[in-house]
N, C-alpha and C. Protein backbone atom coordinates (compact mmCIF):
# COMPACT_ATOMS: atom_id res chain seq x y z
N GLN A 1 8.28 -25.57 52.69
CA GLN A 1 8.55 -24.41 51.89
C GLN A 1 7.97 -23.18 52.57
N THR A 2 8.68 -22.07 52.37
CA THR A 2 8.27 -20.81 52.97
C THR A 2 8.14 -19.74 51.91
N LEU A 3 7.09 -18.97 51.97
CA LEU A 3 6.87 -17.83 51.10
C LEU A 3 7.18 -16.58 51.93
N TYR A 4 8.08 -15.73 51.41
CA TYR A 4 8.43 -14.50 52.12
C TYR A 4 7.74 -13.31 51.47
N VAL A 5 7.21 -12.44 52.33
CA VAL A 5 6.49 -11.25 51.87
C VAL A 5 7.10 -10.04 52.55
N GLY A 6 7.57 -9.08 51.74
CA GLY A 6 8.12 -7.84 52.27
C GLY A 6 7.06 -6.76 52.25
N GLN A 7 7.12 -5.88 53.24
CA GLN A 7 6.11 -4.83 53.34
C GLN A 7 6.76 -3.46 53.45
N GLU A 8 5.98 -2.44 53.17
CA GLU A 8 6.50 -1.07 53.21
C GLU A 8 6.89 -0.62 54.60
N ASN A 9 6.37 -1.26 55.63
CA ASN A 9 6.73 -0.88 57.00
C ASN A 9 8.04 -1.54 57.45
N GLY A 10 8.71 -2.25 56.54
CA GLY A 10 9.98 -2.88 56.87
C GLY A 10 9.84 -4.26 57.46
N SER A 11 8.65 -4.79 57.48
CA SER A 11 8.41 -6.13 58.01
C SER A 11 8.62 -7.16 56.92
N LEU A 12 9.34 -8.22 57.25
CA LEU A 12 9.55 -9.34 56.34
C LEU A 12 8.92 -10.56 57.01
N ASP A 13 7.86 -11.06 56.41
CA ASP A 13 7.12 -12.17 57.00
C ASP A 13 7.34 -13.44 56.21
N GLY A 14 7.57 -14.54 56.92
CA GLY A 14 7.67 -15.85 56.30
C GLY A 14 6.40 -16.64 56.57
N TRP A 15 5.83 -17.20 55.52
CA TRP A 15 4.59 -17.97 55.63
C TRP A 15 4.83 -19.40 55.18
N SER A 16 4.37 -20.36 55.95
CA SER A 16 4.44 -21.76 55.57
C SER A 16 3.45 -22.01 54.43
N VAL A 17 3.96 -22.54 53.32
CA VAL A 17 3.08 -22.85 52.21
C VAL A 17 2.13 -23.99 52.58
N GLU A 18 2.63 -24.92 53.36
CA GLU A 18 1.84 -26.09 53.73
C GLU A 18 0.71 -25.75 54.70
N THR A 19 1.04 -25.04 55.79
CA THR A 19 0.03 -24.76 56.82
C THR A 19 -0.68 -23.43 56.62
N ARG A 20 -0.13 -22.58 55.75
CA ARG A 20 -0.68 -21.24 55.49
C ARG A 20 -0.67 -20.36 56.74
N ARG A 21 0.33 -20.57 57.58
CA ARG A 21 0.49 -19.77 58.80
C ARG A 21 1.82 -19.03 58.76
N LYS A 22 1.83 -17.88 59.43
CA LYS A 22 3.05 -17.10 59.52
C LYS A 22 4.04 -17.84 60.43
N THR A 23 5.25 -18.05 59.93
CA THR A 23 6.26 -18.78 60.69
C THR A 23 7.40 -17.89 61.16
N ARG A 24 7.59 -16.74 60.51
CA ARG A 24 8.66 -15.82 60.88
C ARG A 24 8.21 -14.39 60.67
N LYS A 25 8.75 -13.52 61.52
CA LYS A 25 8.54 -12.07 61.33
C LYS A 25 9.87 -11.42 61.65
N ILE A 26 10.41 -10.71 60.67
CA ILE A 26 11.71 -10.09 60.82
C ILE A 26 11.57 -8.60 60.50
N GLY A 27 12.16 -7.77 61.31
CA GLY A 27 12.14 -6.34 61.06
C GLY A 27 13.37 -5.94 60.25
N ILE A 28 13.15 -5.29 59.13
CA ILE A 28 14.22 -4.78 58.28
C ILE A 28 14.18 -3.25 58.40
N SER A 29 15.30 -2.61 58.17
CA SER A 29 15.41 -1.18 58.45
C SER A 29 14.75 -0.26 57.43
N CYS A 30 14.22 -0.80 56.34
CA CYS A 30 13.63 0.08 55.33
C CYS A 30 12.43 -0.59 54.69
N PRO A 31 11.60 0.19 53.99
CA PRO A 31 10.48 -0.40 53.27
C PRO A 31 10.99 -1.41 52.24
N ILE A 32 10.30 -2.53 52.13
CA ILE A 32 10.72 -3.57 51.19
C ILE A 32 9.81 -3.50 49.97
N ASN A 33 10.38 -3.04 48.86
CA ASN A 33 9.63 -2.94 47.61
C ASN A 33 10.05 -4.01 46.62
N ALA A 34 11.24 -4.56 46.79
CA ALA A 34 11.77 -5.55 45.86
C ALA A 34 12.33 -6.72 46.66
N LEU A 35 11.92 -7.93 46.31
CA LEU A 35 12.31 -9.11 47.07
C LEU A 35 12.33 -10.32 46.15
N ALA A 36 13.38 -11.12 46.23
CA ALA A 36 13.46 -12.36 45.45
C ALA A 36 14.22 -13.39 46.26
N CYS A 37 13.93 -14.65 46.02
CA CYS A 37 14.56 -15.75 46.72
C CYS A 37 15.56 -16.44 45.79
N SER A 38 16.68 -16.89 46.36
CA SER A 38 17.66 -17.63 45.57
C SER A 38 17.08 -18.98 45.18
N ARG A 39 17.65 -19.57 44.15
CA ARG A 39 17.14 -20.85 43.65
C ARG A 39 17.18 -21.94 44.72
N ASP A 40 18.22 -21.93 45.55
CA ASP A 40 18.33 -22.97 46.59
C ASP A 40 17.44 -22.68 47.81
N GLY A 41 16.81 -21.51 47.84
CA GLY A 41 15.90 -21.16 48.92
C GLY A 41 16.58 -20.72 50.20
N ASN A 42 17.89 -20.51 50.17
CA ASN A 42 18.63 -20.15 51.37
C ASN A 42 18.89 -18.67 51.55
N LYS A 43 18.72 -17.89 50.49
CA LYS A 43 19.00 -16.46 50.57
C LYS A 43 17.88 -15.66 49.92
N LEU A 44 17.67 -14.47 50.48
CA LEU A 44 16.77 -13.51 49.87
C LEU A 44 17.60 -12.32 49.43
N VAL A 45 17.21 -11.69 48.35
CA VAL A 45 17.83 -10.44 47.94
C VAL A 45 16.72 -9.40 47.92
N MET A 46 17.03 -8.22 48.48
CA MET A 46 16.02 -7.18 48.58
C MET A 46 16.65 -5.80 48.46
N ASN A 47 15.80 -4.83 48.22
CA ASN A 47 16.26 -3.44 48.13
C ASN A 47 16.68 -2.92 49.50
N ASP A 48 17.47 -1.85 49.49
CA ASP A 48 17.80 -1.15 50.73
C ASP A 48 17.64 0.35 50.47
N GLU A 49 17.58 1.13 51.54
CA GLU A 49 17.35 2.57 51.42
C GLU A 49 18.41 3.31 50.63
N ASP A 50 19.62 2.78 50.58
CA ASP A 50 20.71 3.48 49.90
C ASP A 50 20.84 3.07 48.42
N ASN A 51 19.75 2.59 47.83
CA ASN A 51 19.69 2.19 46.42
C ASN A 51 20.51 0.95 46.10
N SER A 52 20.86 0.19 47.10
CA SER A 52 21.63 -1.04 46.89
C SER A 52 20.72 -2.25 47.03
N LEU A 53 21.28 -3.40 46.73
CA LEU A 53 20.63 -4.68 46.99
C LEU A 53 21.39 -5.35 48.11
N ARG A 54 20.67 -5.93 49.04
CA ARG A 54 21.30 -6.65 50.15
C ARG A 54 20.80 -8.08 50.16
N PHE A 55 21.68 -8.96 50.61
CA PHE A 55 21.36 -10.37 50.67
C PHE A 55 21.10 -10.76 52.13
N TRP A 56 20.08 -11.57 52.34
CA TRP A 56 19.75 -12.04 53.67
C TRP A 56 19.86 -13.55 53.68
N ASP A 57 20.70 -14.07 54.56
CA ASP A 57 20.86 -15.50 54.71
C ASP A 57 19.75 -16.00 55.63
N ILE A 58 18.83 -16.76 55.07
CA ILE A 58 17.65 -17.21 55.82
C ILE A 58 18.05 -18.09 57.00
N ASN A 59 19.02 -18.96 56.81
CA ASN A 59 19.39 -19.91 57.87
C ASN A 59 20.10 -19.24 59.04
N SER A 60 21.03 -18.33 58.76
CA SER A 60 21.80 -17.70 59.83
C SER A 60 21.13 -16.44 60.37
N GLY A 61 20.25 -15.84 59.57
CA GLY A 61 19.62 -14.59 59.98
C GLY A 61 20.45 -13.36 59.69
N ASN A 62 21.61 -13.52 59.04
CA ASN A 62 22.45 -12.36 58.71
C ASN A 62 21.83 -11.58 57.57
N TYR A 63 21.58 -10.30 57.82
CA TYR A 63 21.00 -9.42 56.80
C TYR A 63 22.02 -8.40 56.36
N GLY A 64 22.40 -8.46 55.11
CA GLY A 64 23.20 -7.42 54.50
C GLY A 64 24.60 -7.25 55.04
N THR A 65 25.03 -8.12 55.94
CA THR A 65 26.34 -7.93 56.54
C THR A 65 27.46 -8.46 55.66
N ASN A 66 27.17 -9.47 54.87
CA ASN A 66 28.21 -10.08 54.07
C ASN A 66 28.19 -9.64 52.60
N THR A 67 27.03 -9.48 52.03
CA THR A 67 26.94 -9.19 50.61
C THR A 67 25.99 -8.04 50.35
N MET A 68 26.48 -7.09 49.59
CA MET A 68 25.68 -5.95 49.18
C MET A 68 26.19 -5.51 47.82
N VAL A 69 25.30 -5.14 46.92
CA VAL A 69 25.72 -4.64 45.63
C VAL A 69 25.12 -3.26 45.40
N ARG A 70 25.93 -2.41 44.82
CA ARG A 70 25.50 -1.04 44.50
C ARG A 70 25.67 -0.79 43.01
N GLY A 71 24.83 0.06 42.48
CA GLY A 71 24.93 0.39 41.07
C GLY A 71 23.80 1.29 40.61
N HIS A 72 22.69 1.24 41.31
CA HIS A 72 21.57 2.12 40.96
C HIS A 72 21.76 3.48 41.63
N THR A 73 21.22 4.50 40.99
CA THR A 73 21.30 5.85 41.55
C THR A 73 19.96 6.31 42.12
N ASP A 74 18.96 5.42 42.09
CA ASP A 74 17.67 5.74 42.68
C ASP A 74 17.08 4.44 43.24
N TYR A 75 15.96 4.55 43.88
CA TYR A 75 15.35 3.47 44.64
C TYR A 75 15.08 2.23 43.79
N VAL A 76 15.51 1.07 44.25
CA VAL A 76 15.27 -0.20 43.56
C VAL A 76 13.80 -0.59 43.73
N GLN A 77 13.15 -0.88 42.61
CA GLN A 77 11.73 -1.21 42.63
C GLN A 77 11.42 -2.67 42.36
N THR A 78 12.35 -3.38 41.70
CA THR A 78 12.09 -4.78 41.38
C THR A 78 13.39 -5.56 41.31
N VAL A 79 13.30 -6.83 41.66
CA VAL A 79 14.46 -7.71 41.61
C VAL A 79 13.97 -9.13 41.31
N ILE A 80 14.74 -9.87 40.54
CA ILE A 80 14.40 -11.24 40.19
C ILE A 80 15.70 -12.03 40.05
N THR A 81 15.64 -13.31 40.34
CA THR A 81 16.80 -14.18 40.14
C THR A 81 16.57 -15.00 38.88
N SER A 82 17.67 -15.32 38.19
CA SER A 82 17.57 -16.13 36.99
C SER A 82 17.25 -17.58 37.36
N HIS A 83 16.74 -18.31 36.40
CA HIS A 83 16.36 -19.71 36.63
C HIS A 83 17.55 -20.56 37.07
N ASP A 84 18.72 -20.28 36.51
CA ASP A 84 19.91 -21.07 36.87
C ASP A 84 20.59 -20.58 38.14
N GLY A 85 20.09 -19.49 38.73
CA GLY A 85 20.62 -18.98 39.98
C GLY A 85 21.92 -18.22 39.87
N LYS A 86 22.38 -17.93 38.65
CA LYS A 86 23.67 -17.26 38.46
C LYS A 86 23.55 -15.74 38.37
N TRP A 87 22.36 -15.24 38.13
CA TRP A 87 22.19 -13.81 37.89
C TRP A 87 21.04 -13.24 38.69
N ILE A 88 21.18 -11.96 39.03
CA ILE A 88 20.09 -11.19 39.63
C ILE A 88 19.86 -10.00 38.70
N ILE A 89 18.61 -9.74 38.39
CA ILE A 89 18.26 -8.61 37.54
C ILE A 89 17.46 -7.64 38.41
N SER A 90 17.86 -6.37 38.40
CA SER A 90 17.15 -5.37 39.21
C SER A 90 16.77 -4.18 38.34
N GLY A 91 15.68 -3.54 38.72
CA GLY A 91 15.22 -2.33 38.06
C GLY A 91 14.93 -1.28 39.11
N ALA A 92 15.21 -0.03 38.77
CA ALA A 92 15.05 1.04 39.76
C ALA A 92 14.41 2.27 39.14
N GLU A 93 14.12 3.23 40.01
CA GLU A 93 13.55 4.50 39.57
C GLU A 93 14.53 5.32 38.74
N ASP A 94 15.79 4.90 38.67
CA ASP A 94 16.76 5.57 37.80
C ASP A 94 16.57 5.16 36.34
N ARG A 95 15.53 4.34 36.09
CA ARG A 95 15.17 3.87 34.75
C ARG A 95 16.23 2.98 34.12
N LYS A 96 16.96 2.26 34.98
CA LYS A 96 17.99 1.35 34.50
C LYS A 96 17.70 -0.05 35.00
N ILE A 97 18.07 -1.01 34.17
CA ILE A 97 18.01 -2.42 34.54
C ILE A 97 19.45 -2.90 34.67
N LYS A 98 19.75 -3.53 35.78
CA LYS A 98 21.11 -4.04 36.02
C LYS A 98 21.06 -5.55 36.10
N VAL A 99 22.10 -6.18 35.57
CA VAL A 99 22.26 -7.63 35.63
C VAL A 99 23.51 -7.91 36.45
N TRP A 100 23.34 -8.64 37.56
CA TRP A 100 24.41 -8.87 38.51
C TRP A 100 24.84 -10.34 38.50
N ASN A 101 26.13 -10.58 38.61
CA ASN A 101 26.66 -11.92 38.77
C ASN A 101 26.53 -12.28 40.25
N VAL A 102 25.77 -13.31 40.57
CA VAL A 102 25.49 -13.66 41.96
C VAL A 102 26.78 -14.04 42.71
N HIS A 103 27.62 -14.82 42.09
CA HIS A 103 28.81 -15.34 42.78
C HIS A 103 29.88 -14.29 42.98
N LYS A 104 29.92 -13.29 42.12
CA LYS A 104 30.92 -12.23 42.27
C LYS A 104 30.32 -10.96 42.85
N ALA A 105 28.99 -10.91 42.92
CA ALA A 105 28.28 -9.71 43.38
C ALA A 105 28.72 -8.47 42.61
N THR A 106 28.82 -8.62 41.29
CA THR A 106 29.23 -7.52 40.41
C THR A 106 28.27 -7.43 39.24
N LEU A 107 28.32 -6.29 38.55
CA LEU A 107 27.55 -6.12 37.31
C LEU A 107 28.12 -6.98 36.22
């Protein structure tokens, strides 16, 4: 198992839960304030500079190229995935909470 930590400098670090050592370091283009992992552990969803959410495929390394959702008008501050993996809930500085359908990438 890997724990991912996003930082304001745009660094996304993966840490092995078992060994407690850093296993990955990935540079992302913007400060990471909101980060959540999919239920299956294969994708991360995080904020982007343009007030959108982007998905990162952990296995392939593709960041934001395939799936992106927009709907907030200000910086995304928090994101969480539902227990069943069907929904993503995000909150932003626009004082709105959005509920997204994961499979359709829509509100």
